[in-house]
Amino acid sequence: KSSMGTCVVAALLALLSISAPSLGLAASPPQGE
C-alpha cells in the first residue's frame, strides 16, 4: 500500500540477509550543516 517503497526495501534486505552478515548501524552526524 505504501507509495514510498519503504516496505519494499525492507523486504529485499530481508531476502539478502539470508546470505549476508548482519551490520550494526549508528546515526552519523548531519555533516554539511
PDB file of all heavy atoms in Angstrom:
ATOM      1  N   LYS A   1       0.823  -1.206   0.000  1.00  0.00           N
ATOM      2  CA  LYS A   1       0.000   0.000   0.000  1.00  0.00           C
ATOM      3  C   LYS A   1       0.855   1.253   0.000  1.00  0.00           C
ATOM      4  O   LYS A   1       0.435   2.307  -0.450  1.00  0.00           O
ATOM      5  CB  LYS A   1      -0.926   0.003   1.218  1.00  0.00           C
ATOM      6  CG  LYS A   1      -1.953  -1.119   1.207  1.00  0.00           C
ATOM      7  CD  LYS A   1      -2.847  -1.051   2.432  1.00  0.00           C
ATOM      8  CE  LYS A   1      -3.884  -2.164   2.432  1.00  0.00           C
ATOM      9  NZ  LYS A   1      -4.740  -2.110   3.631  1.00  0.00           N
ATOM     10  N   SER A   2       2.081   1.147   0.536  1.00  0.00           N
ATOM     11  CA  SER A   2       2.943   2.323   0.640  1.00  0.00           C
ATOM     12  C   SER A   2       3.447   2.748  -0.726  1.00  0.00           C
ATOM     13  O   SER A   2       3.945   1.941  -1.501  1.00  0.00           O
ATOM     14  CB  SER A   2       4.154   2.015   1.536  1.00  0.00           C
ATOM     15  OG  SER A   2       5.095   3.048   1.443  1.00  0.00           O
ATOM     16  N   SER A   3       3.326   4.049  -1.027  1.00  0.00           N
ATOM     17  CA  SER A   3       3.827   4.566  -2.298  1.00  0.00           C
ATOM     18  C   SER A   3       5.284   4.984  -2.209  1.00  0.00           C
ATOM     19  O   SER A   3       5.884   5.361  -3.194  1.00  0.00           O
ATOM     20  CB  SER A   3       2.991   5.773  -2.748  1.00  0.00           C
ATOM     21  OG  SER A   3       3.115   6.823  -1.805  1.00  0.00           O
ATOM     22  N   MET A   4       5.860   4.926  -1.017  1.00  0.00           N
ATOM     23  CA  MET A   4       7.231   5.382  -0.838  1.00  0.00           C
ATOM     24  C   MET A   4       8.246   4.262  -0.995  1.00  0.00           C
ATOM     25  O   MET A   4       9.435   4.490  -1.083  1.00  0.00           O
ATOM     26  CB  MET A   4       7.397   6.018   0.554  1.00  0.00           C
ATOM     27  CG  MET A   4       6.541   7.248   0.744  1.00  0.00           C
ATOM     28  SD  MET A   4       6.852   8.501  -0.509  1.00  0.00           S
ATOM     29  CE  MET A   4       8.512   8.983  -0.065  1.00  0.00           C
ATOM     30  N   GLY A   5       7.785   3.025  -1.036  1.00  0.00           N
ATOM     31  CA  GLY A   5       8.705   1.916  -1.261  1.00  0.00           C
ATOM     32  C   GLY A   5       9.494   1.491  -0.041  1.00  0.00           C
ATOM     33  O   GLY A   5      10.379   0.650  -0.144  1.00  0.00           O
ATOM     34  N   THR A   6       9.206   2.016   1.143  1.00  0.00           N
ATOM     35  CA  THR A   6       9.973   1.680   2.335  1.00  0.00           C
ATOM     36  C   THR A   6       9.874   0.203   2.664  1.00  0.00           C
ATOM     37  O   THR A   6      10.874  -0.459   2.952  1.00  0.00           O
ATOM     38  CB  THR A   6       9.477   2.502   3.538  1.00  0.00           C
ATOM     39  OG1 THR A   6       9.570   3.884   3.209  1.00  0.00           O
ATOM     40  CG2 THR A   6      10.313   2.218   4.764  1.00  0.00           C
ATOM     41  N   CYS A   7       8.666  -0.332   2.619  1.00  0.00           N
ATOM     42  CA  CYS A   7       8.479  -1.741   2.930  1.00  0.00           C
ATOM     43  C   CYS A   7       9.142  -2.634   1.894  1.00  0.00           C
ATOM     44  O   CYS A   7       9.597  -3.728   2.199  1.00  0.00           O
ATOM     45  CB  CYS A   7       6.993  -2.071   3.018  1.00  0.00           C
ATOM     46  SG  CYS A   7       6.150  -1.252   4.391  1.00  0.00           S
ATOM     47  N   VAL A   8       9.191  -2.163   0.660  1.00  0.00           N
ATOM     48  CA  VAL A   8       9.814  -2.934  -0.402  1.00  0.00           C
ATOM     49  C   VAL A   8      11.291  -3.119  -0.119  1.00  0.00           C
ATOM     50  O   VAL A   8      11.839  -4.212  -0.233  1.00  0.00           O
ATOM     51  CB  VAL A   8       9.623  -2.236  -1.766  1.00  0.00           C
ATOM     52  CG1 VAL A   8      10.466  -2.886  -2.827  1.00  0.00           C
ATOM     53  CG2 VAL A   8       8.159  -2.285  -2.172  1.00  0.00           C
ATOM     54  N   VAL A   9      11.962  -2.044   0.227  1.00  0.00           N
ATOM     55  CA  VAL A   9      13.385  -2.117   0.533  1.00  0.00           C
ATOM     56  C   VAL A   9      13.632  -3.045   1.709  1.00  0.00           C
ATOM     57  O   VAL A   9      14.564  -3.852   1.706  1.00  0.00           O
ATOM     58  CB  VAL A   9      13.948  -0.707   0.829  1.00  0.00           C
ATOM     59  CG1 VAL A   9      15.403  -0.799   1.256  1.00  0.00           C
ATOM     60  CG2 VAL A   9      13.811   0.180  -0.406  1.00  0.00           C
ATOM     61  N   ALA A  10      12.784  -2.970   2.732  1.00  0.00           N
ATOM     62  CA  ALA A  10      12.916  -3.852   3.890  1.00  0.00           C
ATOM     63  C   ALA A  10      12.773  -5.309   3.484  1.00  0.00           C
ATOM     64  O   ALA A  10      13.490  -6.182   3.979  1.00  0.00           O
ATOM     65  CB  ALA A  10      11.869  -3.483   4.945  1.00  0.00           C
ATOM     66  N   ALA A  11      11.840  -5.579   2.573  1.00  0.00           N
ATOM     67  CA  ALA A  11      11.639  -6.947   2.114  1.00  0.00           C
ATOM     68  C   ALA A  11      12.864  -7.471   1.382  1.00  0.00           C
ATOM     69  O   ALA A  11      13.282  -8.615   1.573  1.00  0.00           O
ATOM     70  CB  ALA A  11      10.413  -7.010   1.202  1.00  0.00           C
ATOM     71  N   LEU A  12      13.471  -6.635   0.540  1.00  0.00           N
ATOM     72  CA  LEU A  12      14.661  -7.052  -0.187  1.00  0.00           C
ATOM     73  C   LEU A  12      15.840  -7.271   0.766  1.00  0.00           C
ATOM     74  O   LEU A  12      16.611  -8.205   0.614  1.00  0.00           O
ATOM     75  CB  LEU A  12      15.031  -6.021  -1.242  1.00  0.00           C
ATOM     76  CG  LEU A  12      14.263  -6.130  -2.564  1.00  0.00           C
ATOM     77  CD1 LEU A  12      14.645  -4.978  -3.474  1.00  0.00           C
ATOM     78  CD2 LEU A  12      14.536  -7.441  -3.249  1.00  0.00           C
ATOM     79  N   LEU A  13      15.971  -6.406   1.750  1.00  0.00           N
ATOM     80  CA  LEU A  13      17.049  -6.582   2.722  1.00  0.00           C
ATOM     81  C   LEU A  13      16.887  -7.877   3.497  1.00  0.00           C
ATOM     82  O   LEU A  13      17.857  -8.545   3.827  1.00  0.00           O
ATOM     83  CB  LEU A  13      17.078  -5.387   3.685  1.00  0.00           C
ATOM     84  CG  LEU A  13      17.607  -4.078   3.092  1.00  0.00           C
ATOM     85  CD1 LEU A  13      17.473  -2.961   4.123  1.00  0.00           C
ATOM     86  CD2 LEU A  13      19.045  -4.202   2.648  1.00  0.00           C
ATOM     87  N   ALA A  14      15.637  -8.240   3.789  1.00  0.00           N
ATOM     88  CA  ALA A  14      15.382  -9.491   4.488  1.00  0.00           C
ATOM     89  C   ALA A  14      15.816 -10.673   3.631  1.00  0.00           C
ATOM     90  O   ALA A  14      16.391 -11.640   4.124  1.00  0.00           O
ATOM     91  CB  ALA A  14      13.900  -9.601   4.829  1.00  0.00           C
ATOM     92  N   LEU A  15      15.564 -10.619   2.330  1.00  0.00           N
ATOM     93  CA  LEU A  15      15.987 -11.681   1.429  1.00  0.00           C
ATOM     94  C   LEU A  15      17.507 -11.785   1.383  1.00  0.00           C
ATOM     95  O   LEU A  15      18.080 -12.869   1.464  1.00  0.00           O
ATOM     96  CB  LEU A  15      15.449 -11.420   0.022  1.00  0.00           C
ATOM     97  CG  LEU A  15      13.982 -11.746  -0.227  1.00  0.00           C
ATOM     98  CD1 LEU A  15      13.556 -11.185  -1.579  1.00  0.00           C
ATOM     99  CD2 LEU A  15      13.746 -13.245  -0.195  1.00  0.00           C
ATOM    100  N   LEU A  16      18.156 -10.636   1.261  1.00  0.00           N
ATOM    101  CA  LEU A  16      19.612 -10.629   1.157  1.00  0.00           C
ATOM    102  C   LEU A  16      20.281 -11.067   2.444  1.00  0.00           C
ATOM    103  O   LEU A  16      21.382 -11.599   2.433  1.00  0.00           O
ATOM    104  CB  LEU A  16      20.095  -9.235   0.767  1.00  0.00           C
ATOM    105  CG  LEU A  16      19.709  -8.789  -0.650  1.00  0.00           C
ATOM    106  CD1 LEU A  16      20.099  -7.332  -0.853  1.00  0.00           C
ATOM    107  CD2 LEU A  16      20.363  -9.657  -1.704  1.00  0.00           C
ATOM    108  N   SER A  17      19.611 -10.869   3.578  1.00  0.00           N
ATOM    109  CA  SER A  17      20.208 -11.218   4.860  1.00  0.00           C
ATOM    110  C   SER A  17      20.354 -12.717   5.031  1.00  0.00           C
ATOM    111  O   SER A  17      21.040 -13.183   5.936  1.00  0.00           O
ATOM    112  CB  SER A  17      19.360 -10.650   6.005  1.00  0.00           C
ATOM    113  OG  SER A  17      18.104 -11.307   6.074  1.00  0.00           O
ATOM    114  N   ILE A  18      19.741 -13.502   4.143  1.00  0.00           N
ATOM    115  CA  ILE A  18      19.881 -14.951   4.223  1.00  0.00           C
ATOM    116  C   ILE A  18      21.337 -15.349   4.062  1.00  0.00           C
ATOM    117  O   ILE A  18      21.827 -16.252   4.711  1.00  0.00           O
ATOM    118  CB  ILE A  18      19.028 -15.630   3.124  1.00  0.00           C
ATOM    119  CG1 ILE A  18      17.536 -15.368   3.377  1.00  0.00           C
ATOM    120  CG2 ILE A  18      19.300 -17.126   3.057  1.00  0.00           C
ATOM    121  CD1 ILE A  18      16.637 -15.828   2.254  1.00  0.00           C
ATOM    122  N   SER A  19      22.056 -14.632   3.185  1.00  0.00           N
ATOM    123  CA  SER A  19      23.446 -14.998   2.916  1.00  0.00           C
ATOM    124  C   SER A  19      24.433 -13.904   3.283  1.00  0.00           C
ATOM    125  O   SER A  19      25.622 -14.048   3.081  1.00  0.00           O
ATOM    126  CB  SER A  19      23.612 -15.330   1.424  1.00  0.00           C
ATOM    127  OG  SER A  19      23.237 -14.229   0.632  1.00  0.00           O
ATOM    128  N   ALA A  20      23.956 -12.769   3.817  1.00  0.00           N
ATOM    129  CA  ALA A  20      24.845 -11.657   4.135  1.00  0.00           C
ATOM    130  C   ALA A  20      24.974 -11.486   5.639  1.00  0.00           C
ATOM    131  O   ALA A  20      24.029 -11.736   6.382  1.00  0.00           O
ATOM    132  CB  ALA A  20      24.292 -10.366   3.525  1.00  0.00           C
ATOM    133  N   PRO A  21      26.145 -11.051   6.135  1.00  0.00           N
ATOM    134  CA  PRO A  21      26.304 -10.829   7.563  1.00  0.00           C
ATOM    135  C   PRO A  21      25.503  -9.633   8.020  1.00  0.00           C
ATOM    136  O   PRO A  21      25.267  -8.689   7.276  1.00  0.00           O
ATOM    137  CB  PRO A  21      27.817 -10.558   7.699  1.00  0.00           C
ATOM    138  CG  PRO A  21      28.223 -10.038   6.360  1.00  0.00           C
ATOM    139  CD  PRO A  21      27.359 -10.761   5.371  1.00  0.00           C
ATOM    140  N   SER A  22      25.057  -9.663   9.290  1.00  0.00           N
ATOM    141  CA  SER A  22      24.307  -8.532   9.829  1.00  0.00           C
ATOM    142  C   SER A  22      25.239  -7.367  10.068  1.00  0.00           C
ATOM    143  O   SER A  22      26.427  -7.534  10.309  1.00  0.00           O
ATOM    144  CB  SER A  22      23.617  -8.940  11.136  1.00  0.00           C
ATOM    145  OG  SER A  22      24.576  -9.332  12.090  1.00  0.00           O
ATOM    146  N   LEU A  23      24.697  -6.150  10.012  1.00  0.00           N
ATOM    147  CA  LEU A  23      25.516  -4.949  10.126  1.00  0.00           C
ATOM    148  C   LEU A  23      24.868  -4.015  11.127  1.00  0.00           C
ATOM    149  O   LEU A  23      23.720  -3.614  10.962  1.00  0.00           O
ATOM    150  CB  LEU A  23      25.621  -4.266   8.761  1.00  0.00           C
ATOM    151  CG  LEU A  23      26.470  -3.001   8.669  1.00  0.00           C
ATOM    152  CD1 LEU A  23      27.929  -3.349   8.911  1.00  0.00           C
ATOM    153  CD2 LEU A  23      26.317  -2.358   7.308  1.00  0.00           C
ATOM    154  N   GLY A  24      25.579  -3.672  12.200  1.00  0.00           N
ATOM    155  CA  GLY A  24      25.053  -2.735  13.171  1.00  0.00           C
ATOM    156  C   GLY A  24      25.285  -1.313  12.710  1.00  0.00           C
ATOM    157  O   GLY A  24      26.384  -0.956  12.309  1.00  0.00           O
ATOM    158  N   LEU A  25      24.249  -0.479  12.740  1.00  0.00           N
ATOM    159  CA  LEU A  25      24.349   0.892  12.267  1.00  0.00           C
ATOM    160  C   LEU A  25      24.062   1.867  13.387  1.00  0.00           C
ATOM    161  O   LEU A  25      23.164   1.666  14.192  1.00  0.00           O
ATOM    162  CB  LEU A  25      23.349   1.132  11.122  1.00  0.00           C
ATOM    163  CG  LEU A  25      23.548   0.296   9.857  1.00  0.00           C
ATOM    164  CD1 LEU A  25      22.437   0.604   8.857  1.00  0.00           C
ATOM    165  CD2 LEU A  25      24.899   0.578   9.226  1.00  0.00           C
ATOM    166  N   ALA A  26      24.818   2.937  13.418  1.00  0.00           N
ATOM    167  CA  ALA A  26      24.575   4.022  14.368  1.00  0.00           C
ATOM    168  C   ALA A  26      24.458   5.319  13.586  1.00  0.00           C
ATOM    169  O   ALA A  26      25.014   5.460  12.501  1.00  0.00           O
ATOM    170  CB  ALA A  26      25.733   4.125  15.372  1.00  0.00           C
ATOM    171  N   ALA A  27      23.727   6.265  14.134  1.00  0.00           N
ATOM    172  CA  ALA A  27      23.496   7.524  13.418  1.00  0.00           C
ATOM    173  C   ALA A  27      24.795   8.303  13.284  1.00  0.00           C
ATOM    174  O   ALA A  27      25.588   8.384  14.212  1.00  0.00           O
ATOM    175  CB  ALA A  27      22.469   8.356  14.178  1.00  0.00           C
ATOM    176  N   SER A  28      25.019   8.862  12.090  1.00  0.00           N
ATOM    177  CA  SER A  28      26.168   9.723  11.852  1.00  0.00           C
ATOM    178  C   SER A  28      25.734  11.175  11.960  1.00  0.00           C
ATOM    179  O   SER A  28      24.577  11.499  11.732  1.00  0.00           O
ATOM    180  CB  SER A  28      26.742   9.471  10.453  1.00  0.00           C
ATOM    181  OG  SER A  28      27.233   8.159  10.345  1.00  0.00           O
ATOM    182  N   PRO A  29      26.646  12.070  12.319  1.00  0.00           N
ATOM    183  CA  PRO A  29      26.282  13.478  12.412  1.00  0.00           C
ATOM    184  C   PRO A  29      25.837  14.027  11.070  1.00  0.00           C
ATOM    185  O   PRO A  29      26.333  13.598  10.028  1.00  0.00           O
ATOM    186  CB  PRO A  29      27.573  14.158  12.876  1.00  0.00           C
ATOM    187  CG  PRO A  29      28.618  13.133  12.950  1.00  0.00           C
ATOM    188  CD  PRO A  29      28.044  11.806  12.622  1.00  0.00           C
ATOM    189  N   PRO A  30      24.906  14.981  11.056  1.00  0.00           N
ATOM    190  CA  PRO A  30      24.414  15.561   9.797  1.00  0.00           C
ATOM    191  C   PRO A  30      25.429  16.506   9.188  1.00  0.00           C
ATOM    192  O   PRO A  30      25.303  17.720   9.269  1.00  0.00           O
ATOM    193  CB  PRO A  30      23.146  16.294  10.223  1.00  0.00           C
ATOM    194  CG  PRO A  30      23.392  16.663  11.653  1.00  0.00           C
ATOM    195  CD  PRO A  30      24.240  15.549  12.223  1.00  0.00           C
ATOM    196  N   GLN A  31      26.455  15.949   8.582  1.00  0.00           N
ATOM    197  CA  GLN A  31      27.504  16.771   8.001  1.00  0.00           C
ATOM    198  C   GLN A  31      26.929  17.634   6.885  1.00  0.00           C
ATOM    199  O   GLN A  31      25.993  17.269   6.219  1.00  0.00           O
ATOM    200  CB  GLN A  31      28.622  15.875   7.466  1.00  0.00           C
ATOM    201  CG  GLN A  31      29.380  15.158   8.579  1.00  0.00           C
ATOM    202  CD  GLN A  31      30.243  14.054   8.036  1.00  0.00           C
ATOM    203  OE1 GLN A  31      29.767  13.124   7.418  1.00  0.00           O
ATOM    204  NE2 GLN A  31      31.538  14.141   8.281  1.00  0.00           N
ATOM    205  N   GLY A  32      27.517  18.782   6.705  1.00  0.00           N
ATOM    206  CA  GLY A  32      27.058  19.674   5.661  1.00  0.00           C
ATOM    207  C   GLY A  32      26.419  20.921   6.219  1.00  0.00           C
ATOM    208  O   GLY A  32      26.407  21.962   5.594  1.00  0.00           O
ATOM    209  N   GLU A  33      25.888  20.817   7.439  1.00  0.00           N
ATOM    210  CA  GLU A  33      25.221  21.969   8.030  1.00  0.00           C
ATOM    211  C   GLU A  33      26.217  22.986   8.567  1.00  0.00           C
ATOM    212  O   GLU A  33      25.905  24.140   8.737  1.00  0.00           O
ATOM    213  CB  GLU A  33      24.286  21.497   9.151  1.00  0.00           C
ATOM    214  CG  GLU A  33      23.160  20.590   8.629  1.00  0.00           C
ATOM    215  CD  GLU A  33      22.302  20.065   9.761  1.00  0.00           C
ATOM    216  OE1 GLU A  33      22.566  20.462  10.918  1.00  0.00           O
ATOM    217  OE2 GLU A  33      21.380  19.286   9.502  1.00  0.00           O
TER     218      GLU A  33
END
